[in-house]
Amino acid sequence: MTVFEHQHRTDNINEVARLDVTSSDEFKTGPVKSLYNWWESHQPDLPKYSDFDISENWAIAPYLYVIQALSPGRFLYRLNGEKVVEIIGISKRGHEITDRDSLLENRLLVDYLSPLVEVGRAKRCAGSLDIIGKQHLTFESVDCPLKNDRGEIEFIIGAIATL
């Protein structure tokens, strides 16, 4: 199922399509494909947050972000790499987002992330960006749910890159 968002946002994203992942062949950028391949290599089980070793994935570190599910409708940005900040236009590290957030894009993100935590399947996004001085820039991203040490889905690791 594809969900399109065209609402007015305060970040660099103009529009986004939220899509199911059916194959790593859908990804066009190295960082996004690499993260998805790592995640997929653990299937049919979900990897744990502690399974991800940044030293083994150093090349894609600037493109990574980690979001923690705190409770239903509440998430915390734990980490975002330098390229994530460049693409989105702001560092969200340490920001809590909720389904009652004042920013529309954060409420939409909560609506998107909540099923990932419930179902445990990766999703992908594609869309256009509005970065000053760069016209017609597009992006792709992947969001992969991870378990905590108790076996509950608590984290989402993602990668975003421009095309």
C-alpha atoms as a PDB file:
ATOM      1  CA  MET A   1       0.000   0.000   0.000  1.00  0.00           C
ATOM      2  CA  THR A   2       1.277   3.460  -0.900  1.00  0.00           C
ATOM      3  CA  VAL A   3       0.432   6.540   1.130  1.00  0.00           C
ATOM      4  CA  PHE A   4       1.186   9.963  -0.345  1.00  0.00           C
ATOM      5  CA  GLU A   5       1.662  13.058   1.798  1.00  0.00           C
ATOM      6  CA  HIS A   6       1.556  16.532   0.284  1.00  0.00           C
ATOM      7  CA  GLN A   7       0.821  18.622   3.374  1.00  0.00           C
ATOM      8  CA  HIS A   8       2.727  21.816   4.161  1.00  0.00           C
ATOM      9  CA  ARG A   9       5.754  20.930   6.271  1.00  0.00           C
ATOM     10  CA  THR A  10       8.386  22.939   8.104  1.00  0.00           C
ATOM     11  CA  ASP A  11      11.287  20.658   7.123  1.00  0.00           C
ATOM     12  CA  ASN A  12      12.921  20.188   3.696  1.00  0.00           C
ATOM     13  CA  ILE A  13      10.502  17.485   2.541  1.00  0.00           C
ATOM     14  CA  ASN A  14       7.925  18.632  -0.018  1.00  0.00           C
ATOM     15  CA  GLU A  15       6.132  15.358  -0.475  1.00  0.00           C
ATOM     16  CA  VAL A  16       6.633  11.768   0.518  1.00  0.00           C
ATOM     17  CA  ALA A  17       5.309   8.404  -0.603  1.00  0.00           C
ATOM     18  CA  ARG A  18       5.290   5.751   2.106  1.00  0.00           C
ATOM     19  CA  LEU A  19       5.684   2.279   0.568  1.00  0.00           C
ATOM     20  CA  ASP A  20       5.991  -1.378   1.457  1.00  0.00           C
ATOM     21  CA  VAL A  21       9.375  -2.994   0.804  1.00  0.00           C
ATOM     22  CA  THR A  22       9.248  -6.043  -1.429  1.00  0.00           C
ATOM     23  CA  SER A  23      12.912  -6.346  -2.440  1.00  0.00           C
ATOM     24  CA  SER A  24      16.291  -4.692  -1.945  1.00  0.00           C
ATOM     25  CA  ASP A  25      16.262  -4.122  -5.717  1.00  0.00           C
ATOM     26  CA  GLU A  26      13.837  -1.234  -5.091  1.00  0.00           C
ATOM     27  CA  PHE A  27      16.611   0.837  -3.526  1.00  0.00           C
ATOM     28  CA  LYS A  28      18.827   3.035  -5.668  1.00  0.00           C
ATOM     29  CA  THR A  29      21.298   4.416  -3.107  1.00  0.00           C
ATOM     30  CA  GLY A  30      24.088   2.501  -1.421  1.00  0.00           C
ATOM     31  CA  PRO A  31      23.431   3.537   2.202  1.00  0.00           C
ATOM     32  CA  VAL A  32      19.724   2.723   2.084  1.00  0.00           C
ATOM     33  CA  LYS A  33      20.240  -0.574   0.285  1.00  0.00           C
ATOM     34  CA  SER A  34      23.082  -1.528   2.636  1.00  0.00           C
ATOM     35  CA  LEU A  35      20.993  -0.982   5.766  1.00  0.00           C
ATOM     36  CA  TYR A  36      18.060  -2.899   4.336  1.00  0.00           C
ATOM     37  CA  ASN A  37      20.317  -5.806   3.299  1.00  0.00           C
ATOM     38  CA  TRP A  38      21.739  -5.946   6.840  1.00  0.00           C
ATOM     39  CA  TRP A  39      18.231  -5.971   8.320  1.00  0.00           C
ATOM     40  CA  GLU A  40      16.943  -8.528   5.804  1.00  0.00           C
ATOM     41  CA  SER A  41      19.880 -10.872   6.533  1.00  0.00           C
ATOM     42  CA  HIS A  42      18.336 -11.517   9.962  1.00  0.00           C
ATOM     43  CA  GLN A  43      14.956 -12.606   8.589  1.00  0.00           C
ATOM     44  CA  PRO A  44      12.674 -14.359   9.414  1.00  0.00           C
ATOM     45  CA  ASP A  45      13.534 -13.008  12.871  1.00  0.00           C
ATOM     46  CA  LEU A  46      14.017  -9.325  13.631  1.00  0.00           C
ATOM     47  CA  PRO A  47      17.487  -8.193  14.630  1.00  0.00           C
ATOM     48  CA  LYS A  48      18.086  -6.661  18.026  1.00  0.00           C
ATOM     49  CA  TYR A  49      19.259  -3.104  18.478  1.00  0.00           C
ATOM     50  CA  SER A  50      22.422  -4.545  20.022  1.00  0.00           C
ATOM     51  CA  ASP A  51      23.050  -6.575  16.811  1.00  0.00           C
ATOM     52  CA  PHE A  52      23.841  -3.426  14.847  1.00  0.00           C
ATOM     53  CA  ASP A  53      27.561  -2.652  15.054  1.00  0.00           C
ATOM     54  CA  ILE A  54      28.343   0.830  13.789  1.00  0.00           C
ATOM     55  CA  SER A  55      32.007  -0.107  13.332  1.00  0.00           C
ATOM     56  CA  GLU A  56      30.909  -2.639  10.693  1.00  0.00           C
ATOM     57  CA  ASN A  57      28.713  -0.017   9.005  1.00  0.00           C
ATOM     58  CA  TRP A  58      30.884   3.079   9.281  1.00  0.00           C
ATOM     59  CA  ALA A  59      30.473   4.040   5.622  1.00  0.00           C
ATOM     60  CA  ILE A  60      26.717   4.526   6.034  1.00  0.00           C
ATOM     61  CA  ALA A  61      26.808   6.130   9.508  1.00  0.00           C
ATOM     62  CA  PRO A  62      26.147   9.696   8.247  1.00  0.00           C
ATOM     63  CA  TYR A  63      22.922   8.473   6.607  1.00  0.00           C
ATOM     64  CA  LEU A  64      21.540   6.669   9.662  1.00  0.00           C
ATOM     65  CA  TYR A  65      18.965   7.603  12.256  1.00  0.00           C
ATOM     66  CA  VAL A  66      17.544   5.725  15.222  1.00  0.00           C
ATOM     67  CA  ILE A  67      14.110   6.304  16.694  1.00  0.00           C
ATOM     68  CA  GLN A  68      12.978   4.707  19.941  1.00  0.00           C
ATOM     69  CA  ALA A  69       9.346   3.798  20.613  1.00  0.00           C
ATOM     70  CA  LEU A  70       8.628   5.030  24.140  1.00  0.00           C
ATOM     71  CA  SER A  71       4.931   4.160  24.315  1.00  0.00           C
ATOM     72  CA  PRO A  72       1.987   4.129  21.888  1.00  0.00           C
ATOM     73  CA  GLY A  73       2.009   7.456  20.042  1.00  0.00           C
ATOM     74  CA  ARG A  74       5.375   8.560  21.558  1.00  0.00           C
ATOM     75  CA  PHE A  75       8.792   8.306  19.926  1.00  0.00           C
ATOM     76  CA  LEU A  76      12.261   9.697  20.645  1.00  0.00           C
ATOM     77  CA  TYR A  77      14.921  10.515  18.049  1.00  0.00           C
ATOM     78  CA  ARG A  78      17.997   8.919  19.565  1.00  0.00           C
ATOM     79  CA  LEU A  79      20.435   9.551  16.722  1.00  0.00           C
ATOM     80  CA  ASN A  80      20.695  11.203  13.320  1.00  0.00           C
ATOM     81  CA  GLY A  81      23.812  11.339  11.187  1.00  0.00           C
ATOM     82  CA  GLU A  82      25.209  14.408   9.445  1.00  0.00           C
ATOM     83  CA  LYS A  83      23.653  13.566   6.071  1.00  0.00           C
ATOM     84  CA  VAL A  84      20.263  13.081   7.747  1.00  0.00           C
ATOM     85  CA  VAL A  85      20.504  16.603   9.175  1.00  0.00           C
ATOM     86  CA  GLU A  86      21.542  17.957   5.765  1.00  0.00           C
ATOM     87  CA  ILE A  87      18.654  16.235   3.980  1.00  0.00           C
ATOM     88  CA  ILE A  88      15.910  16.948   6.528  1.00  0.00           C
ATOM     89  CA  GLY A  89      17.200  20.422   7.336  1.00  0.00           C
ATOM     90  CA  ILE A  90      17.299  20.030  11.119  1.00  0.00           C
ATOM     91  CA  SER A  91      18.804  17.760  13.733  1.00  0.00           C
ATOM     92  CA  LYS A  92      16.038  15.948  15.552  1.00  0.00           C
ATOM     93  CA  ARG A  93      18.393  14.138  17.926  1.00  0.00           C
ATOM     94  CA  GLY A  94      16.875  14.160  21.398  1.00  0.00           C
ATOM     95  CA  HIS A  95      13.478  15.360  20.158  1.00  0.00           C
ATOM     96  CA  GLU A  96      10.380  13.555  21.343  1.00  0.00           C
ATOM     97  CA  ILE A  97       7.523  13.358  18.862  1.00  0.00           C
ATOM     98  CA  THR A  98       3.964  12.406  19.677  1.00  0.00           C
ATOM     99  CA  ASP A  99       0.621  11.959  18.009  1.00  0.00           C
ATOM    100  CA  ARG A 100      -0.305  15.329  19.572  1.00  0.00           C
ATOM    101  CA  ASP A 101       2.813  17.158  18.354  1.00  0.00           C
ATOM    102  CA  SER A 102       2.381  20.755  17.201  1.00  0.00           C
ATOM    103  CA  LEU A 103       4.233  20.015  13.919  1.00  0.00           C
ATOM    104  CA  LEU A 104       2.235  18.252  11.229  1.00  0.00           C
ATOM    105  CA  GLU A 105       5.242  16.334   9.911  1.00  0.00           C
ATOM    106  CA  ASN A 106       5.863  14.855  13.366  1.00  0.00           C
ATOM    107  CA  ARG A 107       2.233  13.709  13.712  1.00  0.00           C
ATOM    108  CA  LEU A 108       2.436  12.150  10.240  1.00  0.00           C
ATOM    109  CA  LEU A 109       5.684  10.434  11.222  1.00  0.00           C
ATOM    110  CA  VAL A 110       4.086   8.974  14.356  1.00  0.00           C
ATOM    111  CA  ASP A 111       1.230   7.642  12.183  1.00  0.00           C
ATOM    112  CA  TYR A 112       3.823   6.030   9.907  1.00  0.00           C
ATOM    113  CA  LEU A 113       6.076   4.609  12.652  1.00  0.00           C
ATOM    114  CA  SER A 114       3.372   3.136  14.875  1.00  0.00           C
ATOM    115  CA  PRO A 115       2.502   0.241  12.524  1.00  0.00           C
ATOM    116  CA  LEU A 116       6.215  -0.575  12.086  1.00  0.00           C
ATOM    117  CA  VAL A 117       6.426  -1.201  15.823  1.00  0.00           C
ATOM    118  CA  GLU A 118       3.192  -3.200  15.828  1.00  0.00           C
ATOM    119  CA  VAL A 119       3.824  -5.331  12.727  1.00  0.00           C
ATOM    120  CA  GLY A 120       7.624  -5.539  12.564  1.00  0.00           C
ATOM    121  CA  ARG A 121       8.070  -5.051   8.818  1.00  0.00           C
ATOM    122  CA  ALA A 122      10.383  -2.594   7.107  1.00  0.00           C
ATOM    123  CA  LYS A 123       8.898   0.272   5.090  1.00  0.00           C
ATOM    124  CA  ARG A 124      10.418   2.684   2.622  1.00  0.00           C
ATOM    125  CA  CYS A 125       9.803   6.261   1.597  1.00  0.00           C
ATOM    126  CA  ALA A 126      10.516   8.298  -1.507  1.00  0.00           C
ATOM    127  CA  GLY A 127       9.857  11.935  -2.206  1.00  0.00           C
ATOM    128  CA  SER A 128      11.057  15.368  -3.156  1.00  0.00           C
ATOM    129  CA  LEU A 129      13.094  17.888  -1.209  1.00  0.00           C
ATOM    130  CA  ASP A 130      13.238  21.653  -1.082  1.00  0.00           C
ATOM    131  CA  ILE A 131      16.843  22.425  -0.221  1.00  0.00           C
ATOM    132  CA  ILE A 132      17.902  25.980  -1.013  1.00  0.00           C
ATOM    133  CA  GLY A 133      20.002  26.110  -4.165  1.00  0.00           C
ATOM    134  CA  LYS A 134      19.191  22.519  -5.167  1.00  0.00           C
ATOM    135  CA  GLN A 135      16.142  22.075  -7.344  1.00  0.00           C
ATOM    136  CA  HIS A 136      14.515  18.771  -8.268  1.00  0.00           C
ATOM    137  CA  LEU A 137      16.237  16.833  -5.506  1.00  0.00           C
ATOM    138  CA  THR A 138      14.652  13.562  -4.449  1.00  0.00           C
ATOM    139  CA  PHE A 139      15.313  11.124  -1.638  1.00  0.00           C
ATOM    140  CA  GLU A 140      14.719   7.556  -0.579  1.00  0.00           C
ATOM    141  CA  SER A 141      14.740   6.050   2.876  1.00  0.00           C
ATOM    142  CA  VAL A 142      14.142   2.780   4.658  1.00  0.00           C
ATOM    143  CA  ASP A 143      12.873   2.193   8.189  1.00  0.00           C
ATOM    144  CA  CYS A 144      13.661  -1.130   9.858  1.00  0.00           C
ATOM    145  CA  PRO A 145      12.195  -2.227  13.202  1.00  0.00           C
ATOM    146  CA  LEU A 146      14.550  -3.699  15.811  1.00  0.00           C
ATOM    147  CA  LYS A 147      13.950  -5.628  19.009  1.00  0.00           C
ATOM    148  CA  ASN A 148      15.255  -4.748  22.446  1.00  0.00           C
ATOM    149  CA  ASP A 149      16.958  -7.377  24.623  1.00  0.00           C
ATOM    150  CA  ARG A 150      13.529  -8.495  25.915  1.00  0.00           C
ATOM    151  CA  GLY A 151      12.429  -9.351  22.365  1.00  0.00           C
ATOM    152  CA  GLU A 152      10.008  -6.413  22.015  1.00  0.00           C
ATOM    153  CA  ILE A 153      10.117  -4.048  19.048  1.00  0.00           C
ATOM    154  CA  GLU A 154      11.426  -0.846  20.578  1.00  0.00           C
ATOM    155  CA  PHE A 155      13.696   0.745  17.983  1.00  0.00           C
ATOM    156  CA  ILE A 156      13.582   1.727  14.349  1.00  0.00           C
ATOM    157  CA  ILE A 157      16.836   2.176  12.489  1.00  0.00           C
ATOM    158  CA  GLY A 158      16.670   3.992   9.210  1.00  0.00           C
ATOM    159  CA  ALA A 159      18.774   5.398   6.421  1.00  0.00           C
ATOM    160  CA  ILE A 160      18.023   8.296   4.081  1.00  0.00           C
ATOM    161  CA  ALA A 161      19.921   9.428   0.986  1.00  0.00           C
ATOM    162  CA  THR A 162      19.394  11.732  -1.960  1.00  0.00           C
ATOM    163  CA  LEU A 163      19.099  10.486  -5.523  1.00  0.00           C
END
